[in-house]
Amino acid sequence: MNYDKKKYKLWDWKSPLIFQWKVNPGLAINELVLGQVIPKIMLIEREGNKPFNQRTFVPCPHCGTMHNGLKWSSKNKTAFKNWFGLYCDHCKEIIPVHRNFTSLLVMITTYPIWGWFKSSLKQNWLEKQPERYKKATLEILEEKNPTSGWLITGLYFGLFMFVAMVIVYPLLIGKKIDLQSLVVGIPLWMIMGLAWGYTMALWTNKKGKEMKAPFGNEG
């Protein structure tokens, strides 16, 4: 795609954050249950004293509109329920997204069940989208400590992964849940959850390079 390479950095599947999203099996729950997705193409502003999430833009391949990534945020109540992709409120089309490998495998194996209803489900989803974006805003409320929420986020993620991987998954494959797996799993997933939460907080609040002053205007 055409874009200003001096102003933006292109993020696709080869970018570390996106690659991690695709290969992490736990994030399949985010896609399949919560409807949280990542667009196939993101453009990140290289310069500017703003956090990562404020420097992220999502181009619509259908109409060319450059959406600020904040449009799909918890504040706007649009961060989730994006099972079919990201809705472009400019041209009413769907912006393609990446698929987690695990969720893709689940969708393929269960297609004989939900495939019959795919068209009706998608149409019903599309009809609800315009209303979701009527009050969408890009307004930012500055926080004194933007990474302060990482602890709760990490604990929730760790707890969720513990239940999914130590309890639900063994039940699905017919494996017995023993005391040892529970004892080991609790601290293991809590630590991993905290590490994930802190890493995401640092990443999303990472600031761009300072814009250089024009030659002769320093001072």
C-alpha atoms as a PDB file:
ATOM      1  CA  MET A   1       0.000   0.000   0.000  1.00  0.00           C
ATOM      2  CA  ASN A   2       1.060   3.616  -0.521  1.00  0.00           C
ATOM      3  CA  TYR A   3       1.894   5.644   2.576  1.00  0.00           C
ATOM      4  CA  ASP A   4       4.420   8.206   3.788  1.00  0.00           C
ATOM      5  CA  LYS A   5       7.305   5.997   4.931  1.00  0.00           C
ATOM      6  CA  LYS A   6       9.065   8.914   6.587  1.00  0.00           C
ATOM      7  CA  LYS A   7       6.028   9.712   8.724  1.00  0.00           C
ATOM      8  CA  TYR A   8       4.687   6.209   9.403  1.00  0.00           C
ATOM      9  CA  LYS A   9       6.020   2.781  10.208  1.00  0.00           C
ATOM     10  CA  LEU A  10       4.048  -0.109   8.738  1.00  0.00           C
ATOM     11  CA  TRP A  11       2.928  -2.884  11.073  1.00  0.00           C
ATOM     12  CA  ASP A  12       1.779  -6.179   9.584  1.00  0.00           C
ATOM     13  CA  TRP A  13       2.020  -9.829  10.671  1.00  0.00           C
ATOM     14  CA  LYS A  14       5.825  -9.625  10.955  1.00  0.00           C
ATOM     15  CA  SER A  15       5.653  -7.030  13.733  1.00  0.00           C
ATOM     16  CA  PRO A  16       6.401  -8.528  17.199  1.00  0.00           C
ATOM     17  CA  LEU A  17       3.129  -7.481  18.845  1.00  0.00           C
ATOM     18  CA  ILE A  18       0.987  -8.803  16.002  1.00  0.00           C
ATOM     19  CA  PHE A  19       2.997 -12.029  15.663  1.00  0.00           C
ATOM     20  CA  GLN A  20       2.566 -12.607  19.402  1.00  0.00           C
ATOM     21  CA  TRP A  21      -1.180 -12.116  18.974  1.00  0.00           C
ATOM     22  CA  LYS A  22      -1.316 -14.735  16.236  1.00  0.00           C
ATOM     23  CA  VAL A  23       0.674 -17.458  18.017  1.00  0.00           C
ATOM     24  CA  ASN A  24      -0.519 -17.027  21.643  1.00  0.00           C
ATOM     25  CA  PRO A  25      -3.243 -19.700  22.110  1.00  0.00           C
ATOM     26  CA  GLY A  26      -4.741 -17.903  25.104  1.00  0.00           C
ATOM     27  CA  LEU A  27      -5.673 -14.909  22.955  1.00  0.00           C
ATOM     28  CA  ALA A  28      -8.030 -17.097  20.947  1.00  0.00           C
ATOM     29  CA  ILE A  29     -10.534 -16.452  23.738  1.00  0.00           C
ATOM     30  CA  ASN A  30     -10.208 -12.708  23.156  1.00  0.00           C
ATOM     31  CA  GLU A  31     -11.144 -13.221  19.515  1.00  0.00           C
ATOM     32  CA  LEU A  32     -13.819 -15.892  19.753  1.00  0.00           C
ATOM     33  CA  VAL A  33     -15.571 -14.840  22.953  1.00  0.00           C
ATOM     34  CA  LEU A  34     -14.848 -11.128  23.376  1.00  0.00           C
ATOM     35  CA  GLY A  35     -14.511 -10.201  19.721  1.00  0.00           C
ATOM     36  CA  GLN A  36     -11.226  -8.353  20.262  1.00  0.00           C
ATOM     37  CA  VAL A  37      -9.152  -8.226  17.071  1.00  0.00           C
ATOM     38  CA  ILE A  38      -6.117  -6.535  15.483  1.00  0.00           C
ATOM     39  CA  PRO A  39      -6.293  -4.983  11.977  1.00  0.00           C
ATOM     40  CA  LYS A  40      -4.142  -6.518   9.268  1.00  0.00           C
ATOM     41  CA  ILE A  41      -2.454  -3.196   8.579  1.00  0.00           C
ATOM     42  CA  MET A  42      -1.538  -0.517  11.097  1.00  0.00           C
ATOM     43  CA  LEU A  43       0.462   2.644  10.521  1.00  0.00           C
ATOM     44  CA  ILE A  44       2.400   4.026  13.481  1.00  0.00           C
ATOM     45  CA  GLU A  45       3.560   7.641  13.564  1.00  0.00           C
ATOM     46  CA  ARG A  46       7.336   7.648  13.950  1.00  0.00           C
ATOM     47  CA  GLU A  47       7.583  11.007  15.674  1.00  0.00           C
ATOM     48  CA  GLY A  48       5.590  12.833  18.320  1.00  0.00           C
ATOM     49  CA  ASN A  49       5.481  12.971  22.081  1.00  0.00           C
ATOM     50  CA  LYS A  50       2.354  10.806  22.269  1.00  0.00           C
ATOM     51  CA  PRO A  51       1.834   7.241  23.550  1.00  0.00           C
ATOM     52  CA  PHE A  52       1.731   4.359  21.085  1.00  0.00           C
ATOM     53  CA  ASN A  53      -2.061   4.025  21.185  1.00  0.00           C
ATOM     54  CA  GLN A  54      -2.437   7.672  20.138  1.00  0.00           C
ATOM     55  CA  ARG A  55       0.054   7.284  17.261  1.00  0.00           C
ATOM     56  CA  THR A  56      -1.713   4.292  15.727  1.00  0.00           C
ATOM     57  CA  PHE A  57      -3.780   4.614  12.557  1.00  0.00           C
ATOM     58  CA  VAL A  58      -5.836   2.021  10.682  1.00  0.00           C
ATOM     59  CA  PRO A  59      -6.349   2.595   6.938  1.00  0.00           C
ATOM     60  CA  CYS A  60      -9.562   1.303   5.413  1.00  0.00           C
ATOM     61  CA  PRO A  61      -8.698  -0.650   2.222  1.00  0.00           C
ATOM     62  CA  HIS A  62     -12.130   0.110   0.755  1.00  0.00           C
ATOM     63  CA  CYS A  63     -12.408   3.907   0.998  1.00  0.00           C
ATOM     64  CA  GLY A  64      -8.899   4.930   2.069  1.00  0.00           C
ATOM     65  CA  THR A  65     -10.040   6.622   5.270  1.00  0.00           C
ATOM     66  CA  MET A  66      -7.252   6.818   7.857  1.00  0.00           C
ATOM     67  CA  HIS A  67      -8.872   5.938  11.180  1.00  0.00           C
ATOM     68  CA  ASN A  68      -7.238   6.809  14.468  1.00  0.00           C
ATOM     69  CA  GLY A  69      -6.819   3.562  16.413  1.00  0.00           C
ATOM     70  CA  LEU A  70      -8.549   5.141  19.412  1.00  0.00           C
ATOM     71  CA  LYS A  71     -11.834   4.740  17.552  1.00  0.00           C
ATOM     72  CA  TRP A  72     -11.851   1.093  18.640  1.00  0.00           C
ATOM     73  CA  SER A  73     -11.388   1.614  22.369  1.00  0.00           C
ATOM     74  CA  SER A  74     -12.983   0.587  25.652  1.00  0.00           C
ATOM     75  CA  LYS A  75     -14.033   4.205  26.187  1.00  0.00           C
ATOM     76  CA  ASN A  76     -16.085   4.096  22.973  1.00  0.00           C
ATOM     77  CA  LYS A  77     -17.317   0.575  23.796  1.00  0.00           C
ATOM     78  CA  THR A  78     -16.001  -0.575  20.429  1.00  0.00           C
ATOM     79  CA  ALA A  79     -12.897  -2.497  21.529  1.00  0.00           C
ATOM     80  CA  PHE A  80     -14.890  -5.734  21.637  1.00  0.00           C
ATOM     81  CA  LYS A  81     -17.692  -7.446  19.671  1.00  0.00           C
ATOM     82  CA  ASN A  82     -15.672  -7.153  16.437  1.00  0.00           C
ATOM     83  CA  TRP A  83     -16.051 -10.801  15.455  1.00  0.00           C
ATOM     84  CA  PHE A  84     -16.235 -10.145  11.711  1.00  0.00           C
ATOM     85  CA  GLY A  85     -13.583  -7.415  11.596  1.00  0.00           C
ATOM     86  CA  LEU A  86     -13.366  -3.687  12.261  1.00  0.00           C
ATOM     87  CA  TYR A  87     -16.279  -1.626  10.995  1.00  0.00           C
ATOM     88  CA  CYS A  88     -15.487   1.457   8.905  1.00  0.00           C
ATOM     89  CA  ASP A  89     -18.125   4.036   9.818  1.00  0.00           C
ATOM     90  CA  HIS A  90     -17.161   6.047   6.723  1.00  0.00           C
ATOM     91  CA  CYS A  91     -17.925   3.570   3.937  1.00  0.00           C
ATOM     92  CA  LYS A  92     -19.820   0.911   5.985  1.00  0.00           C
ATOM     93  CA  GLU A  93     -17.392  -1.824   4.910  1.00  0.00           C
ATOM     94  CA  ILE A  94     -15.321  -4.214   7.051  1.00  0.00           C
ATOM     95  CA  ILE A  95     -11.613  -3.672   7.614  1.00  0.00           C
ATOM     96  CA  PRO A  96      -9.760  -7.053   7.514  1.00  0.00           C
ATOM     97  CA  VAL A  97      -8.114  -8.309  10.694  1.00  0.00           C
ATOM     98  CA  HIS A  98      -5.535 -10.885  11.719  1.00  0.00           C
ATOM     99  CA  ARG A  99      -6.672 -14.217  13.082  1.00  0.00           C
ATOM    100  CA  ASN A 100      -5.077 -16.024  15.975  1.00  0.00           C
ATOM    101  CA  PHE A 101      -3.912 -19.469  14.800  1.00  0.00           C
ATOM    102  CA  THR A 102      -5.772 -21.261  17.592  1.00  0.00           C
ATOM    103  CA  SER A 103      -9.029 -19.406  17.013  1.00  0.00           C
ATOM    104  CA  LEU A 104      -8.676 -20.058  13.285  1.00  0.00           C
ATOM    105  CA  LEU A 105      -8.284 -23.782  13.981  1.00  0.00           C
ATOM    106  CA  VAL A 106     -11.357 -23.725  16.225  1.00  0.00           C
ATOM    107  CA  MET A 107     -13.404 -21.907  13.580  1.00  0.00           C
ATOM    108  CA  ILE A 108     -12.379 -24.380  10.882  1.00  0.00           C
ATOM    109  CA  THR A 109     -13.152 -27.479  12.950  1.00  0.00           C
ATOM    110  CA  THR A 110     -16.515 -26.121  14.141  1.00  0.00           C
ATOM    111  CA  TYR A 111     -17.553 -24.658  10.783  1.00  0.00           C
ATOM    112  CA  PRO A 112     -20.065 -27.475  10.097  1.00  0.00           C
ATOM    113  CA  ILE A 113     -21.960 -26.172  13.159  1.00  0.00           C
ATOM    114  CA  TRP A 114     -21.867 -22.385  12.810  1.00  0.00           C
ATOM    115  CA  GLY A 115     -21.256 -22.176   9.058  1.00  0.00           C
ATOM    116  CA  TRP A 116     -24.976 -22.594   8.354  1.00  0.00           C
ATOM    117  CA  PHE A 117     -25.682 -19.338  10.199  1.00  0.00           C
ATOM    118  CA  LYS A 118     -22.629 -17.325   9.066  1.00  0.00           C
ATOM    119  CA  SER A 119     -24.487 -15.058   6.617  1.00  0.00           C
ATOM    120  CA  SER A 120     -27.341 -14.234   8.980  1.00  0.00           C
ATOM    121  CA  LEU A 121     -24.961 -13.678  11.904  1.00  0.00           C
ATOM    122  CA  LYS A 122     -22.792 -11.341   9.836  1.00  0.00           C
ATOM    123  CA  GLN A 123     -25.780  -9.402   8.526  1.00  0.00           C
ATOM    124  CA  ASN A 124     -27.208  -9.014  12.017  1.00  0.00           C
ATOM    125  CA  TRP A 125     -23.802  -7.828  13.252  1.00  0.00           C
ATOM    126  CA  LEU A 126     -23.473  -5.294  10.418  1.00  0.00           C
ATOM    127  CA  GLU A 127     -26.897  -3.807  11.131  1.00  0.00           C
ATOM    128  CA  LYS A 128     -25.855  -3.050  14.705  1.00  0.00           C
ATOM    129  CA  GLN A 129     -22.568  -1.345  13.873  1.00  0.00           C
ATOM    130  CA  PRO A 130     -23.704   2.193  12.840  1.00  0.00           C
ATOM    131  CA  GLU A 131     -25.317   2.747  16.234  1.00  0.00           C
ATOM    132  CA  ARG A 132     -22.130   1.709  18.048  1.00  0.00           C
ATOM    133  CA  TYR A 133     -20.095   4.445  16.363  1.00  0.00           C
ATOM    134  CA  LYS A 134     -22.513   7.365  16.615  1.00  0.00           C
ATOM    135  CA  LYS A 135     -20.917   8.654  19.813  1.00  0.00           C
ATOM    136  CA  ALA A 136     -17.376   7.456  19.179  1.00  0.00           C
ATOM    137  CA  THR A 137     -14.808  10.039  20.232  1.00  0.00           C
ATOM    138  CA  LEU A 138     -11.032  10.421  20.017  1.00  0.00           C
ATOM    139  CA  GLU A 139     -10.880  12.581  23.133  1.00  0.00           C
ATOM    140  CA  ILE A 140      -8.086  11.595  25.501  1.00  0.00           C
ATOM    141  CA  LEU A 141      -8.166  11.979  29.260  1.00  0.00           C
ATOM    142  CA  GLU A 142      -4.596  12.379  30.428  1.00  0.00           C
ATOM    143  CA  GLU A 143      -3.584  10.069  33.275  1.00  0.00           C
ATOM    144  CA  LYS A 144      -0.964  10.856  35.906  1.00  0.00           C
ATOM    145  CA  ASN A 145       0.378   7.332  35.605  1.00  0.00           C
ATOM    146  CA  PRO A 146      -0.803   5.751  32.313  1.00  0.00           C
ATOM    147  CA  THR A 147       0.661   2.334  33.200  1.00  0.00           C
ATOM    148  CA  SER A 148      -1.119   2.135  36.574  1.00  0.00           C
ATOM    149  CA  GLY A 149      -3.793  -0.259  35.335  1.00  0.00           C
ATOM    150  CA  TRP A 150      -1.346  -3.000  34.341  1.00  0.00           C
ATOM    151  CA  LEU A 151      -1.623  -4.829  37.678  1.00  0.00           C
ATOM    152  CA  ILE A 152      -5.379  -5.407  37.487  1.00  0.00           C
ATOM    153  CA  THR A 153      -5.206  -6.161  33.761  1.00  0.00           C
ATOM    154  CA  GLY A 154      -2.429  -8.692  34.322  1.00  0.00           C
ATOM    155  CA  LEU A 155      -4.207 -10.408  37.230  1.00  0.00           C
ATOM    156  CA  TYR A 156      -7.434 -10.718  35.241  1.00  0.00           C
ATOM    157  CA  PHE A 157      -5.551 -12.122  32.251  1.00  0.00           C
ATOM    158  CA  GLY A 158      -3.632 -14.564  34.463  1.00  0.00           C
ATOM    159  CA  LEU A 159      -6.810 -15.724  36.204  1.00  0.00           C
ATOM    160  CA  PHE A 160      -8.566 -16.147  32.897  1.00  0.00           C
ATOM    161  CA  MET A 161      -5.693 -18.165  31.461  1.00  0.00           C
ATOM    162  CA  PHE A 162      -5.505 -20.321  34.599  1.00  0.00           C
ATOM    163  CA  VAL A 163      -9.181 -21.257  34.333  1.00  0.00           C
ATOM    164  CA  ALA A 164      -8.954 -21.809  30.571  1.00  0.00           C
ATOM    165  CA  MET A 165      -5.731 -23.833  30.469  1.00  0.00           C
ATOM    166  CA  VAL A 166      -5.735 -25.670  33.807  1.00  0.00           C
ATOM    167  CA  ILE A 167      -9.448 -26.375  34.242  1.00  0.00           C
ATOM    168  CA  VAL A 168     -11.437 -25.957  31.019  1.00  0.00           C
ATOM    169  CA  TYR A 169      -8.916 -27.381  28.526  1.00  0.00           C
ATOM    170  CA  PRO A 170      -8.276 -30.644  30.461  1.00  0.00           C
ATOM    171  CA  LEU A 171     -12.031 -31.157  30.772  1.00  0.00           C
ATOM    172  CA  LEU A 172     -12.476 -30.720  27.030  1.00  0.00           C
ATOM    173  CA  ILE A 173      -9.866 -33.357  26.193  1.00  0.00           C
ATOM    174  CA  GLY A 174     -11.038 -35.725  28.922  1.00  0.00           C
ATOM    175  CA  LYS A 175      -7.976 -35.339  31.138  1.00  0.00           C
ATOM    176  CA  LYS A 176      -8.264 -35.521  34.906  1.00  0.00           C
ATOM    177  CA  ILE A 177      -7.524 -32.342  36.866  1.00  0.00           C
ATOM    178  CA  ASP A 178      -5.097 -33.138  39.672  1.00  0.00           C
ATOM    179  CA  LEU A 179      -4.023 -31.144  42.726  1.00  0.00           C
ATOM    180  CA  GLN A 180      -0.478 -30.693  41.424  1.00  0.00           C
ATOM    181  CA  SER A 181      -1.597 -28.924  38.256  1.00  0.00           C
ATOM    182  CA  LEU A 182      -3.755 -26.575  40.332  1.00  0.00           C
ATOM    183  CA  VAL A 183      -0.983 -25.774  42.817  1.00  0.00           C
ATOM    184  CA  VAL A 184       1.567 -25.150  40.066  1.00  0.00           C
ATOM    185  CA  GLY A 185      -0.874 -23.423  37.748  1.00  0.00           C
ATOM    186  CA  ILE A 186      -2.020 -20.660  40.121  1.00  0.00           C
ATOM    187  CA  PRO A 187       1.364 -18.946  40.694  1.00  0.00           C
ATOM    188  CA  LEU A 188       2.561 -19.763  37.171  1.00  0.00           C
ATOM    189  CA  TRP A 189      -0.341 -18.081  35.392  1.00  0.00           C
ATOM    190  CA  MET A 190      -0.470 -15.169  37.846  1.00  0.00           C
ATOM    191  CA  ILE A 191       3.203 -14.405  37.151  1.00  0.00           C
ATOM    192  CA  MET A 192       2.711 -14.771  33.406  1.00  0.00           C
ATOM    193  CA  GLY A 193      -0.407 -12.607  33.558  1.00  0.00           C
ATOM    194  CA  LEU A 194       1.420  -9.852  35.432  1.00  0.00           C
ATOM    195  CA  ALA A 195       4.320 -10.010  32.981  1.00  0.00           C
ATOM    196  CA  TRP A 196       1.908  -9.746  30.063  1.00  0.00           C
ATOM    197  CA  GLY A 197      -0.013  -6.846  31.645  1.00  0.00           C
ATOM    198  CA  TYR A 198       3.138  -4.875  32.412  1.00  0.00           C
ATOM    199  CA  THR A 199       4.624  -5.486  28.969  1.00  0.00           C
ATOM    200  CA  MET A 200       1.418  -4.347  27.248  1.00  0.00           C
ATOM    201  CA  ALA A 201       1.250  -1.230  29.447  1.00  0.00           C
ATOM    202  CA  LEU A 202       4.820  -0.276  28.565  1.00  0.00           C
ATOM    203  CA  TRP A 203       4.240  -0.968  24.887  1.00  0.00           C
ATOM    204  CA  THR A 204       0.959   0.927  24.478  1.00  0.00           C
ATOM    205  CA  ASN A 205       2.299   3.955  26.329  1.00  0.00           C
ATOM    206  CA  LYS A 206       5.638   4.042  24.530  1.00  0.00           C
ATOM    207  CA  LYS A 207       6.218   7.482  23.060  1.00  0.00           C
ATOM    208  CA  GLY A 208       7.502   8.273  19.597  1.00  0.00           C
ATOM    209  CA  LYS A 209      10.720  10.002  18.704  1.00  0.00           C
ATOM    210  CA  GLU A 210      10.920  13.683  19.460  1.00  0.00           C
ATOM    211  CA  MET A 211      10.328  15.741  16.338  1.00  0.00           C
ATOM    212  CA  LYS A 212      13.504  17.478  15.269  1.00  0.00           C
ATOM    213  CA  ALA A 213      13.425  21.228  15.013  1.00  0.00           C
ATOM    214  CA  PRO A 214      14.085  22.663  11.529  1.00  0.00           C
ATOM    215  CA  PHE A 215      17.701  23.622  10.892  1.00  0.00           C
ATOM    216  CA  GLY A 216      18.473  27.033  12.248  1.00  0.00           C
ATOM    217  CA  ASN A 217      15.451  27.132  14.610  1.00  0.00           C
ATOM    218  CA  GLU A 218      17.052  25.370  17.550  1.00  0.00           C
ATOM    219  CA  GLY A 219      17.233  27.275  20.722  1.00  0.00           C
END
